[in-house]
Protein backbone atom coordinates (compact mmCIF):
# COMPACT_ATOMS: atom_id res chain seq x y z
CA MET A 1 108.26 115.83 90.03
CA ARG A 2 110.20 112.89 90.94
CA PRO A 3 108.27 110.00 91.10
CA GLY A 4 110.66 107.72 92.49
CA ARG A 5 110.96 109.56 95.61
CA ILE A 6 107.02 109.43 96.00
CA VAL A 7 107.43 105.70 95.55
CA MET A 8 110.01 105.39 98.05
CA LEU A 9 107.88 107.73 100.21
CA VAL A 10 104.38 105.45 100.04
CA LEU A 11 106.33 102.01 100.34
CA GLY A 12 108.57 103.30 103.34
CA THR A 13 105.19 104.65 105.20
CA LEU A 14 103.61 101.35 104.31
CA SER A 15 106.57 98.99 105.43
CA ALA A 16 106.63 101.35 108.67
CA LEU A 17 102.93 101.18 109.42
CA LEU A 18 102.94 97.31 109.19
CA GLY A 19 106.28 97.58 111.41
CA LEU A 20 104.26 99.49 114.18
CA GLY A 21 101.15 96.86 113.84
CA LEU A 22 103.74 94.01 114.11
CA LEU A 23 105.01 95.79 117.63
CA ALA A 24 101.48 96.28 118.55
CA GLY A 25 100.85 92.80 118.02
CA ALA A 26 104.23 92.06 120.34
CA GLY A 27 103.25 94.21 122.77
CA ALA A 28 99.85 92.79 123.64
CA ALA A 29 101.38 89.33 123.27
CA GLY A 30 103.98 90.04 125.58
CA PHE A 31 101.55 91.65 127.98
CA GLY A 32 99.30 88.59 127.82
CA ASN A 33 102.45 86.29 128.45
CA TYR A 34 103.37 88.43 131.72
CA VAL A 35 100.09 88.66 133.18
CA GLN A 36 99.37 85.07 133.48
CA ARG A 37 99.07 84.87 136.88
CA ASP A 38 97.30 82.81 139.51
CA ASN A 39 99.72 79.53 138.71
CA GLY A 40 100.19 80.65 135.51
CA TYR A 41 96.95 81.40 134.39
CA PHE A 42 95.00 84.97 133.08
CA THR A 43 92.05 84.92 135.26
CA THR A 44 88.64 86.78 135.39
CA PRO A 45 87.27 88.19 138.54
CA SER A 46 85.20 85.61 140.68
CA GLU A 47 81.48 86.16 140.25
CA ARG A 48 78.13 84.61 140.83
CA TYR A 49 76.27 82.49 138.30
CA ALA A 50 72.87 81.11 138.96
CA THR A 51 69.94 79.38 137.35
CA SER A 52 66.72 77.89 138.78
CA GLY A 53 67.41 74.73 136.80
CA TYR A 54 69.51 71.71 136.82
CA ALA A 55 72.72 73.06 135.24
CA LEU A 56 74.49 75.97 133.77
CA THR A 57 76.26 75.34 130.48
CA THR A 58 78.47 77.30 128.18
CA PRO A 59 78.56 75.87 124.60
CA ARG A 60 81.50 78.11 123.84
CA LEU A 61 84.78 78.11 125.63
CA ASP A 62 85.27 81.64 125.40
CA ILE A 63 82.58 82.80 127.03
CA MET A 64 84.03 82.25 130.33
CA THR A 65 87.18 83.56 129.64
CA GLU A 66 85.69 86.95 127.56
CA ARG A 67 86.88 85.58 124.26
CA GLY A 68 90.42 84.32 125.63
CA VAL A 69 89.65 80.95 124.33
CA PRO A 70 88.61 79.75 120.52
CA ASP A 71 85.28 78.36 120.28
CA ALA A 72 86.61 75.37 118.27
CA VAL A 73 90.29 74.81 119.53
CA PRO A 74 92.20 73.97 116.45
CA VAL A 75 95.00 71.20 116.28
CA GLY A 76 98.55 72.26 117.76
CA VAL A 77 97.23 75.03 119.98
CA VAL A 78 99.58 74.97 123.01
CA GLY A 79 97.35 75.87 126.21
CA SER A 80 95.13 75.11 129.37
CA LEU A 81 91.44 76.28 130.47
CA MET A 82 91.32 76.56 134.62
CA LEU A 83 87.31 77.04 136.31
CA SER A 84 87.53 77.34 139.89
CA GLY A 85 84.47 77.81 141.97
CA SER A 86 82.27 76.71 145.08
CA GLY A 87 78.56 76.20 145.63
CA GLU A 88 76.19 78.34 147.39
CA SER A 89 74.92 77.24 151.21
CA GLY A 90 77.75 74.99 151.15
CA LYS A 91 76.41 72.56 148.25
CA ASP A 92 78.84 70.04 146.74
CA ILE A 93 79.32 71.36 143.12
CA PHE A 94 80.58 69.70 140.02
CA ILE A 95 82.45 71.24 137.04
CA GLY A 96 83.59 69.57 133.87
CA VAL A 97 84.40 69.64 130.35
CA GLY A 98 82.84 67.35 127.71
CA PRO A 99 82.34 67.18 123.98
CA ARG A 100 79.46 69.16 123.02
CA SER A 101 77.51 66.69 121.48
CA ASP A 102 77.83 64.30 124.63
CA VAL A 103 76.69 67.25 126.96
CA ALA A 104 73.56 68.22 124.48
CA ALA A 105 72.54 64.52 124.75
CA TYR A 106 72.84 64.39 128.64
CA LEU A 107 71.19 67.47 129.12
CA ASP A 108 68.75 66.90 126.61
CA GLY A 109 64.72 67.54 128.07
CA VAL A 110 66.70 68.62 131.13
CA SER A 111 65.80 72.37 132.37
CA HIS A 112 68.96 74.06 132.43
CA ALA A 113 70.45 77.70 131.41
CA GLU A 114 73.36 78.38 128.66
CA ILE A 115 75.22 81.07 129.37
CA THR A 116 75.78 82.72 126.07
CA ASP A 117 77.57 86.26 127.11
CA VAL A 118 79.65 88.08 129.64
CA ARG A 119 81.15 90.98 130.36
CA PHE A 120 83.31 91.49 133.26
CA ASN A 121 84.01 95.67 133.53
CA PRO A 122 81.44 95.99 134.78
CA PHE A 123 79.91 92.42 135.37
CA ARG A 124 77.02 91.39 133.02
CA VAL A 125 75.86 87.97 132.34
CA GLU A 126 73.05 86.97 129.61
CA TYR A 127 71.27 83.35 129.84
CA ARG A 128 69.31 81.35 127.60
CA SER A 129 66.99 79.30 129.27
CA VAL A 130 66.24 76.09 127.90
CA ALA A 131 62.92 74.20 129.47
CA GLY A 132 62.61 70.73 130.15
CA ALA A 133 60.96 67.92 132.48
CA ASN A 134 63.43 65.51 132.57
CA VAL A 135 65.77 64.77 135.67
CA PRO A 136 69.25 64.03 135.28
CA ALA A 137 71.74 61.47 136.68
CA ARG A 138 74.42 62.68 138.76
CA PRO A 139 77.01 64.12 136.58
CA ALA A 140 79.96 62.45 138.21
CA ASP A 141 78.46 59.12 137.11
CA GLN A 142 79.04 59.78 133.47
CA SER A 143 81.92 58.51 131.60
CA PHE A 144 82.25 61.33 128.80
CA TRP A 145 84.07 64.00 130.54
CA ALA A 146 87.43 64.90 129.20
CA ALA A 147 88.06 66.85 132.39
CA SER A 148 85.99 67.22 135.95
CA ALA A 149 86.03 68.59 139.70
CA THR A 150 83.92 67.61 142.04
CA GLY A 151 83.48 67.84 146.09
CA ALA A 152 82.68 70.42 148.94
CA GLY A 153 84.23 73.83 149.05
CA GLU A 154 86.40 75.36 146.13
CA GLN A 155 86.81 73.29 143.40
CA GLN A 156 89.44 73.80 140.39
CA LEU A 157 89.45 72.17 137.33
CA GLU A 158 92.51 72.26 134.70
CA TRP A 159 92.30 71.20 131.25
CA ASP A 160 95.11 70.99 128.45
CA LEU A 161 93.09 72.20 125.34
CA ARG A 162 92.33 69.58 122.72
CA SER A 163 91.13 69.95 119.08
CA GLY A 164 87.50 69.55 118.91
CA SER A 165 83.91 71.28 119.89
CA TRP A 166 83.77 71.53 123.97
CA ALA A 167 81.26 72.75 126.57
CA VAL A 168 81.50 73.43 130.11
CA VAL A 169 78.97 72.23 132.74
CA ILE A 170 78.24 73.32 136.32
CA MET A 171 75.71 71.48 138.47
CA ASN A 172 75.24 70.50 142.13
CA ALA A 173 77.18 67.23 142.69
CA ASP A 174 73.59 65.62 143.56
CA ALA A 175 72.07 67.23 140.28
CA SER A 176 69.56 69.08 142.24
CA PRO A 177 68.10 72.55 141.33
CA PRO A 178 68.49 75.31 141.51
CA THR A 179 72.19 75.98 140.56
CA ALA A 180 74.37 78.89 141.95
CA VAL A 181 78.10 79.00 142.00
CA GLU A 182 80.78 81.66 142.48
CA LEU A 183 83.06 81.00 139.88
CA LYS A 184 86.42 82.23 138.09
CA ALA A 185 87.99 81.06 134.85
CA GLY A 186 91.61 81.32 133.75
CA ALA A 187 93.28 80.54 130.50
CA ARG A 188 97.07 80.25 129.39
CA SER A 189 98.77 79.57 126.23
CA GLU A 190 102.26 78.53 125.63
CA LEU A 191 102.40 79.96 122.38
CA LEU A 192 102.41 83.94 123.58
CA TRP A 193 106.39 84.00 123.94
CA PRO A 194 107.14 82.46 120.53
CA VAL A 195 104.42 84.74 118.91
CA PHE A 196 105.74 87.88 120.96
CA VAL A 197 109.45 86.86 119.56
CA GLY A 198 107.96 86.85 116.03
CA LEU A 199 106.16 89.74 116.00
CA LEU A 200 108.80 91.90 117.41
CA ILE A 201 111.49 90.60 115.08
CA GLY A 202 109.10 91.08 112.25
CA GLY A 203 108.07 94.59 113.24
CA VAL A 204 111.65 95.73 114.24
CA VAL A 205 112.65 94.45 110.50
CA PHE A 206 109.96 96.32 108.66
CA LEU A 207 110.80 99.53 110.36
CA LEU A 208 114.31 99.26 109.36
CA ILE A 209 113.08 98.97 105.92
CA GLY A 210 110.20 101.62 106.16
CA ILE A 211 112.14 104.38 108.05
CA PRO A 212 115.14 104.94 105.33
CA LEU A 213 112.81 104.76 103.09
CA ILE A 214 110.47 107.65 104.21
CA VAL A 215 113.87 109.65 105.01
CA LEU A 216 115.21 109.30 101.67
CA GLY A 217 111.98 110.21 100.02
CA ALA A 218 111.39 113.03 102.18
CA ALA A 219 114.77 114.41 101.69
CA GLY A 220 114.51 114.10 97.69
CA LEU A 221 111.29 115.66 97.58
CA GLY A 222 112.24 118.38 100.00
CA ARG A 223 115.69 119.06 98.02
CA GLY A 224 115.70 121.99 95.43
CA GLY A 225 117.09 124.81 97.01
CA PRO A 226 116.41 126.83 100.26
CA PRO A 227 113.30 128.33 101.39
CA PRO A 228 112.97 132.07 100.79
CA MET A 229 114.37 134.13 103.68
CA PRO A 230 112.61 136.78 105.39
CA GLY A 231 112.04 139.68 102.63
CA GLN A 232 113.17 137.45 99.84
CA SER A 233 109.39 136.52 98.93
CA TRP A 234 106.40 138.76 98.44
CA ALA A 235 108.72 141.82 99.35
CA VAL A 236 109.42 145.04 97.56
CA ALA A 237 112.80 145.19 96.33
CA GLY A 238 115.25 146.35 98.75
CA ALA A 239 113.05 146.06 101.65
CA ALA A 240 114.93 145.02 104.95
CA ALA A 241 114.29 141.48 106.21
CA PRO A 242 112.40 141.81 109.82
CA GLN A 243 114.13 140.47 112.63
CA PHE A 244 112.74 137.96 114.95
CA PRO A 245 113.30 138.25 118.73
CA ALA A 246 113.30 135.05 121.17
CA ALA A 247 110.20 135.88 122.39
CA GLY A 248 108.47 135.99 118.84
CA ALA A 249 107.26 139.51 119.26
CA ALA A 250 108.55 142.33 117.02
CA ALA A 251 111.12 144.42 118.61
CA GLY A 252 110.05 147.66 120.27
CA ALA A 253 106.42 146.82 119.04
CA PRO A 254 103.87 148.37 121.21
CA PRO A 255 101.48 146.34 123.25
CA GLY A 256 98.76 145.34 121.29
CA SER A 257 100.22 145.43 118.06
CA ALA A 258 100.76 142.54 115.48
CA ALA A 259 103.37 139.75 116.31
CA VAL A 260 106.28 139.01 114.10
CA TYR A 261 107.00 135.19 113.93
CA PRO A 262 109.27 133.54 111.54
CA ALA A 263 106.42 130.97 110.84
CA ARG A 264 104.04 132.87 108.46
CA LEU A 265 100.35 131.91 107.61
CA SER A 266 98.14 134.04 104.85
CA GLY A 267 95.08 133.25 103.53
CA TYR A 268 93.10 135.44 101.26
CA LEU A 269 89.18 135.27 100.55
CA ASP A 270 87.60 134.73 97.70
CA PRO A 271 84.75 137.26 96.34
CA LYS A 272 82.83 134.81 94.34
CA LEU A 273 82.29 131.42 96.88
CA SER A 274 79.53 129.40 96.21
CA ARG A 275 76.60 129.36 98.40
CA TRP A 276 76.22 125.30 98.24
CA LEU A 277 79.71 123.81 97.61
CA TRP A 278 81.09 123.98 101.07
CA LEU A 279 78.52 121.38 102.07
CA PHE A 280 80.58 118.66 99.77
CA LYS A 281 84.14 119.90 100.25
CA TRP A 282 84.50 117.12 102.70
CA PHE A 283 84.18 114.52 99.49
CA LEU A 284 86.15 116.90 97.05
CA ALA A 285 88.83 116.81 99.21
CA ILE A 286 89.01 113.28 99.88
CA PRO A 287 92.12 112.64 97.39
CA HIS A 288 94.03 115.11 99.44
CA PHE A 289 92.88 113.61 102.72
CA ILE A 290 94.34 110.05 101.29
CA VAL A 291 97.55 111.78 100.20
CA LEU A 292 98.08 113.78 103.54
CA PHE A 293 97.63 110.67 105.57
CA PHE A 294 100.95 109.22 103.92
CA LEU A 295 102.52 113.12 104.30
CA TRP A 296 101.68 113.34 107.69
CA PHE A 297 103.11 109.58 108.90
CA ALA A 298 106.50 110.97 107.21
CA PHE A 299 106.26 114.05 109.12
CA GLY A 300 106.54 112.51 112.10
CA VAL A 301 109.44 110.22 111.28
CA VAL A 302 111.03 113.32 109.73
CA THR A 303 110.72 115.13 112.67
CA ILE A 304 112.28 112.17 114.80
CA VAL A 305 115.00 112.11 112.43
CA ALA A 306 115.70 115.80 113.05
CA TRP A 307 115.16 115.60 116.77
CA PHE A 308 118.46 113.70 116.34
CA ALA A 309 120.04 115.70 114.24
CA ILE A 310 119.44 119.07 115.82
CA LEU A 311 120.76 117.18 119.49
CA PHE A 312 123.95 116.38 117.88
CA THR A 313 124.66 118.98 115.35
CA GLY A 314 122.70 121.93 116.23
CA ARG A 315 121.06 122.16 112.60
CA TYR A 316 118.05 121.02 110.97
CA PRO A 317 118.98 119.09 107.68
CA ARG A 318 117.66 121.56 104.84
CA SER A 319 115.99 118.91 102.55
CA LEU A 320 114.03 117.40 105.58
CA PHE A 321 113.05 120.95 106.49
CA ASN A 322 111.95 121.99 103.36
CA PHE A 323 109.86 118.60 103.04
CA ASN A 324 108.39 119.54 106.76
CA VAL A 325 107.11 122.90 105.71
CA GLY A 326 105.59 121.71 102.59
CA VAL A 327 103.52 119.23 104.42
CA LEU A 328 102.31 121.97 106.44
CA ARG A 329 102.02 124.50 103.55
CA TRP A 330 99.64 121.22 101.88
CA SER A 331 97.55 120.84 104.86
CA TRP A 332 97.03 124.46 105.41
CA ARG A 333 95.87 124.68 101.53
CA VAL A 334 93.59 122.13 102.10
CA ALA A 335 92.13 123.26 105.28
CA PHE A 336 91.65 126.66 103.65
CA TYR A 337 89.66 125.06 101.10
CA SER A 338 87.73 122.92 103.45
CA TYR A 339 86.43 123.11 107.10
CA ALA A 340 89.19 125.61 108.63
CA ALA A 341 88.32 128.49 106.80
CA LEU A 342 86.12 127.76 103.69
CA GLY A 343 88.27 130.88 101.97
CA THR A 344 88.44 129.50 98.42
CA ASP A 345 86.46 127.33 95.97
CA ILE A 346 89.92 126.71 94.06
CA TYR A 347 90.97 123.50 94.30
CA PRO A 348 94.01 123.05 96.09
CA PRO A 349 97.09 121.67 94.15
CA PHE A 350 98.83 118.62 94.74
CA THR A 351 102.26 119.88 95.52
CA LEU A 352 104.60 120.77 98.80
CA ALA A 353 106.07 123.95 96.52
CA ARG A 354 104.69 127.31 97.06
CA THR A 355 102.32 128.40 94.25
CA ASP A 356 99.81 131.17 93.63
CA TYR A 357 97.61 129.56 95.74
CA PRO A 358 95.30 131.95 97.90
CA ALA A 359 96.72 129.92 101.00
CA ASP A 360 100.34 130.10 101.79
CA PHE A 361 102.33 128.72 104.74
CA ASP A 362 106.07 129.46 105.06
CA VAL A 363 108.69 129.44 107.78
CA ASP A 364 112.28 130.87 107.93
CA TYR A 365 115.02 128.17 107.74
CA PRO A 366 116.93 128.27 110.72
CA GLU A 367 120.82 128.37 110.62
CA LYS A 368 121.01 127.17 114.10
CA LEU A 369 118.98 125.61 116.54
CA SER A 370 119.66 125.11 120.33
CA ARG A 371 120.56 121.56 121.30
CA GLY A 372 119.34 122.05 124.79
CA LEU A 373 115.77 123.19 123.86
CA VAL A 374 115.18 120.37 121.53
CA LEU A 375 114.95 118.24 124.61
CA VAL A 376 112.09 120.19 126.50
CA LYS A 377 110.27 122.36 123.76
CA SER A 378 107.99 119.82 121.74
CA TRP A 379 106.27 118.82 124.93
CA LEU A 380 107.05 120.88 127.95
CA LEU A 381 107.47 124.19 126.85
CA ALA A 382 104.61 124.00 124.39
CA ILE A 383 102.13 122.97 127.04
CA PRO A 384 100.18 126.16 127.38
CA HIS A 385 100.06 126.69 123.57
CA LEU A 386 98.89 122.76 123.28
CA LEU A 387 96.17 123.70 125.70
CA ILE A 388 95.07 126.26 123.81
CA VAL A 389 95.27 124.72 120.41
CA ALA A 390 93.20 121.62 121.98
CA LEU A 391 90.48 124.03 122.87
CA LEU A 392 90.35 125.85 119.61
CA THR A 393 90.26 122.70 117.97
CA GLY A 394 88.05 120.49 120.03
CA THR A 395 90.93 117.89 120.54
CA ALA A 396 90.75 118.28 124.44
CA GLN A 397 90.13 115.25 126.16
CA THR A 398 89.79 113.93 130.28
CA TRP A 399 89.10 110.83 131.56
CA VAL A 400 85.86 109.89 133.42
CA TYR A 401 84.90 106.66 135.32
CA ARG A 402 81.58 104.97 133.67
CA ASP A 403 80.18 101.60 133.77
CA GLY A 404 83.09 100.41 136.14
CA ARG A 405 85.96 101.51 133.64
CA TRP A 406 87.80 104.92 132.63
CA ALA A 407 86.74 106.03 129.56
CA GLN A 408 88.67 109.06 127.37
CA VAL A 409 85.95 111.70 126.36
CA GLY A 410 86.08 115.05 124.47
CA VAL A 411 85.64 118.29 126.24
CA GLY A 412 83.87 120.84 124.68
CA VAL A 413 83.14 121.57 121.07
CA SER A 414 85.54 122.64 118.61
CA LEU A 415 85.50 126.71 118.49
CA LEU A 416 87.15 126.81 114.90
CA GLY A 417 84.89 124.04 113.88
CA LEU A 418 81.83 126.17 115.18
CA LEU A 419 82.80 129.41 113.65
CA VAL A 420 83.06 127.64 110.11
CA LEU A 421 79.96 126.01 110.46
CA ILE A 422 78.44 129.64 110.97
CA ALA A 423 80.24 131.04 108.48
CA GLY A 424 78.83 128.02 106.02
CA VAL A 425 75.27 128.75 107.14
CA VAL A 426 75.74 132.44 106.74
CA LEU A 427 77.33 131.89 103.16
CA LEU A 428 74.36 129.16 102.09
CA PHE A 429 71.40 131.75 103.06
CA THR A 430 72.91 135.26 102.25
CA GLY A 431 75.72 134.47 99.46
CA ALA A 432 78.49 136.67 101.89
CA TYR A 433 81.13 135.80 104.01
CA ALA A 434 81.48 138.13 107.10
CA ARG A 435 84.79 139.76 106.67
CA GLY A 436 85.26 139.96 110.19
CA LEU A 437 84.54 136.39 110.85
CA PHE A 438 86.96 135.67 108.20
CA ASP A 439 89.82 137.60 109.70
CA PHE A 440 89.13 135.76 113.01
CA LEU A 441 89.30 132.16 111.57
CA LEU A 442 92.88 133.41 109.82
CA GLY A 443 93.96 134.64 113.40
CA LEU A 444 92.86 131.24 114.82
CA ASN A 445 94.93 128.92 111.93
CA ARG A 446 97.74 131.02 112.46
CA TRP A 447 97.97 130.61 116.37
CA ILE A 448 97.75 126.85 115.64
CA TYR A 449 100.32 126.72 112.76
CA ARG A 450 102.75 128.72 114.42
CA VAL A 451 102.46 126.31 117.53
CA TRP A 452 102.98 123.33 114.82
CA ALA A 453 105.91 124.92 113.83
CA TYR A 454 107.47 125.24 117.18
CA VAL A 455 106.74 121.65 118.29
CA SER A 456 107.76 120.43 114.95
CA LEU A 457 111.24 121.64 116.22
CA MET A 458 111.41 124.22 113.10
CA ARG A 459 112.22 127.34 115.40
CA ASP A 460 113.34 128.43 118.74
CA GLU A 461 111.53 131.02 118.90
CA TYR A 462 108.61 130.85 121.47
CA PRO A 463 105.15 131.37 119.11
CA PRO A 464 103.61 134.57 120.72
CA PHE A 465 100.27 134.72 122.60
CA HIS A 466 98.83 136.72 120.13
CA LEU A 467 95.90 136.57 118.18
CA ASP A 468 96.71 138.32 114.60
CA SER A 469 93.79 138.14 112.43
CA GLY A 470 93.72 139.26 108.96
CA PRO A 471 94.43 137.80 105.61
CA ARG A 472 98.35 138.72 105.75
CA ASP A 473 100.46 137.54 108.35
CA PRO A 474 102.47 140.51 110.55
CA GLY A 475 105.73 138.83 109.44
CA ASP A 476 105.18 139.42 105.58
CA THR A 477 106.95 142.28 104.48
CA ALA A 478 105.14 144.81 102.69
CA ALA A 479 102.96 143.43 99.91
CA ILE A 480 103.59 144.41 96.46
CA PRO A 481 100.49 146.15 95.06
CA PRO A 482 98.57 143.47 93.04
CA ALA A 483 98.05 143.53 88.93
CA TRP A 484 94.36 143.28 90.07
CA SER A 485 91.93 145.42 92.06
CA PRO A 486 90.78 143.63 95.36
CA ALA A 487 87.23 143.27 95.20
CA GLY A 488 84.24 142.38 97.51
CA PRO A 489 82.44 144.14 100.58
CA GLY A 490 84.84 147.17 101.93
CA ALA A 491 87.22 146.97 99.18
CA PRO A 492 88.76 150.18 97.92
CA GLY A 493 88.13 151.64 94.56
CA GLY A 494 89.53 150.11 91.57
CA GLY A 495 88.46 147.57 88.85
CA PRO A 496 86.75 144.32 88.71
CA ALA A 497 88.73 141.39 90.08
CA GLY A 498 89.36 138.37 87.61
CA PRO A 499 88.06 134.93 87.85
CA GLY A 500 89.31 133.44 91.42
CA ALA A 501 90.89 136.40 92.58
CA PRO A 502 90.36 136.67 96.20
CA GLY A 503 88.76 139.25 98.02
CA GLY A 504 89.59 142.92 98.85
CA ASP A 505 90.38 143.95 101.90
CA PRO A 506 89.27 146.69 103.94
CA ALA A 507 92.87 147.87 105.04
CA GLY A 508 94.03 148.86 101.67
CA PRO A 509 96.72 148.16 99.85
CA THR A 510 99.22 146.87 102.48
CA ASN A 511 96.70 143.99 103.13
CA ALA A 512 96.37 143.18 99.50
CA ARG A 513 97.02 139.70 98.23
CA PRO A 514 100.72 139.45 96.91
CA THR A 515 102.17 137.61 94.31
CA ASN A 516 103.15 134.55 95.98
CA GLY A 517 106.58 133.75 94.13
CA GLY A 518 109.58 132.66 95.41
CA PRO A 519 111.89 129.50 95.10
CA GLY A 520 110.14 126.23 95.79
CA PHE A 521 111.34 122.58 95.63
CA TYR A 522 110.37 119.74 94.16
CA GLY A 523 107.28 118.08 95.82
CA ILE A 524 104.53 115.65 94.70
CA GLY A 525 103.38 116.95 91.51
CA GLY A 526 105.51 119.95 92.30
CA PRO A 527 107.58 122.36 89.85
CA ALA A 528 111.66 122.67 90.49
CA ALA A 529 112.74 125.73 91.86
CA ARG A 530 111.60 128.73 90.17
CA GLY A 531 113.63 131.73 89.12
CA PRO A 532 111.94 135.27 88.54
CA GLU A 533 108.68 135.53 86.57
CA LYS A 534 107.50 137.91 83.94
CA ARG A 535 104.54 139.71 85.03
CA GLU A 536 102.41 141.72 82.50
CA THR A 537 101.58 145.27 82.96
CA PRO A 538 97.52 145.56 83.18
CA ALA A 539 95.45 147.93 80.73
CA GLY A 540 92.54 149.52 81.70
CA PRO A 541 91.02 149.70 85.11
CA GLU A 542 93.03 147.08 86.85
CA ALA A 543 95.99 149.54 86.35
CA ALA A 544 94.35 151.76 89.35
CA ALA A 545 95.13 148.99 91.67
CA GLY A 546 98.85 150.20 91.87
CA PRO A 547 102.11 149.60 89.98
CA THR A 548 103.20 146.29 88.67
CA VAL A 549 106.85 145.19 89.45
CA PRO A 550 108.90 144.04 86.55
CA ALA A 551 110.57 140.65 86.55
CA SER A 552 114.02 142.65 87.07
CA GLN A 553 112.63 144.11 90.15
CA ASP A 554 111.16 140.83 91.55
CA ASN A 555 113.27 140.27 94.88
CA ARG A 556 112.79 136.40 94.42
CA PRO A 557 116.32 134.81 94.18
CA SER A 558 116.77 132.40 91.04
CA HIS A 559 118.56 129.10 91.28
C-alpha cells in the first residue's frame, strides 16, 4: 500500500474537478458575453402579456428575463436592463421602472396583475390578480420613476442597474383598462468578460495542478512489475501461450467456437448465495462506489495521457497500463458482487491487484501499439460495439422534440439489468441461481469489458462479435484443477465445497475455478507483487477434485 500515491490521486482528482467546474463556468460566461445581442442585450422572445386590470407589474426584475437579472441588484453590479414593447389596437403604452415601495403605493387599491413566473420555451406566464376599485392617475405624471418610456408604437426602455429593490410597471398611457402588450426584455452585464477571464485562468491553473498529481499517483499505484502474460497466470506449468490474431478470434477456430481475446474476464458462481442480501448490496457497495468515482476520473485522465504516449512512441506506459487494468478489475469485482451478475456474497477487496476473489479481469500488456489506430479506434472503429453495449446496458439515448424544446431521453431498458433482476427475484423465492442465466450474464459482461479494453486503447485487436458464455474466459489456458470440489447444481462428483467457494460447473474440470494468483502491483490497499505461493495438498474427499500443483510447478513468475 502506498498512501502517498493515494493522497496524490485524490487531491489531483479534486483539483481537476474544480478546474473543470471553473472552465464550465468560464464557458457559460463567455457564451453569455457572446450572445448579448440587439444592441448589446441578451433578449427574450417577444410575447403577449395581458390583464383586465389597469397595470401589469413585475415585483422581481428577473421575471422578465427568466432569471437573467437578480431580484435585489447589489451595489457594484455593472449592467443594464432593456424592455421593448407595443400596445394592442394602436394604444399608447407606458413602461417604467421604479422603487418597489413607490410602485406599491401608486397601485394601492388599484386592480392590476403581477407577473409571478415566465417560461419562454415553451412560453408560459403566470399572474397573481390584485383586486381594487381605485382608478390610478396617468403613470407619466408620477415623479418616482427611475426610467420610463411612453408613446405610440414600439417603445424601448433602457436602464442602468442600480442598488435597491425595483419593480417594472406596464400600463396604457392613459391609465385605462384592460392592458395588453407585446413585450420583450433584455439584459446585459459588463462583468461577463472579466468573469470569463478569471474563471478561465483559475480552471487552467487547477487543471495544471490536478492532472500531474493524477498521473503521478496512478503511475505509482500501477508500478510493481508487469502484468502476467498469457499462459503465466492460472496456467498449467509449461503450457503454451495462446496467440491473438488481429480480428480477435482464435486462429483456425471453427465457426461458432469460443473467441480468444487478450482481455480476459472470469467469474465463478457462489453456491451459497443469500436469498435476500442482493436487495441491500446497493447500500453495502457505497464505499466502493465512492472510491470508484475517483478511480474512474483518474482512468479518463490516464487514458488521455496514454493516447499521446501511444501517438508519439507507439507504447502504452506500463505503470499507467497496470493502473487502468486495475480500475477495470476493481469495477468488475464490484459489478460481479452487485448488479451486473449477483454472482457472490463475498465482499470485494479494496485493491487494484489480482486476488483470489471469484471474479477477475486482466489484459495482456502490448509491447507495441499502432500509432495510426489510436486516432480512430476508440470512437470511429468502436461504433458498432458501442451501439451494442448501449443496448445491453440501457445507456442508448435519442433526442425528441417535446414542449417546444429538444430533450435527450433513454431508449428502451437495460437487458443486463433486466436479466439480473430476474435472477435476483428467482433467487429470492427459490434460493437457486439459474446456471444458464448466470453463464449468459457472464457472456454479456465479457463482451462489455472487452470493448472497454479496446476503447481505452489497451489493445489493437478488434473485439470479436462473439458472446462467450460461462465463468471461464476462452483466453485463459487450461485451468489447474482446484484443491476443492466444485459444488452446486450439475456439478460432477467430489467432496463438499468450502465456505465461500464458487459454484460447480457442468463442464467439469476444464471449467473449474483456477487459483487466481500471478504477479500483482501496488494498489489501493493492495499487496506488492507476489511470488509463488505454497499450496497445501488437501486430505479426504477434497482430493478427488484433482491433483494439486506444488509451489515449484506454479507457472507464475516471481519478482
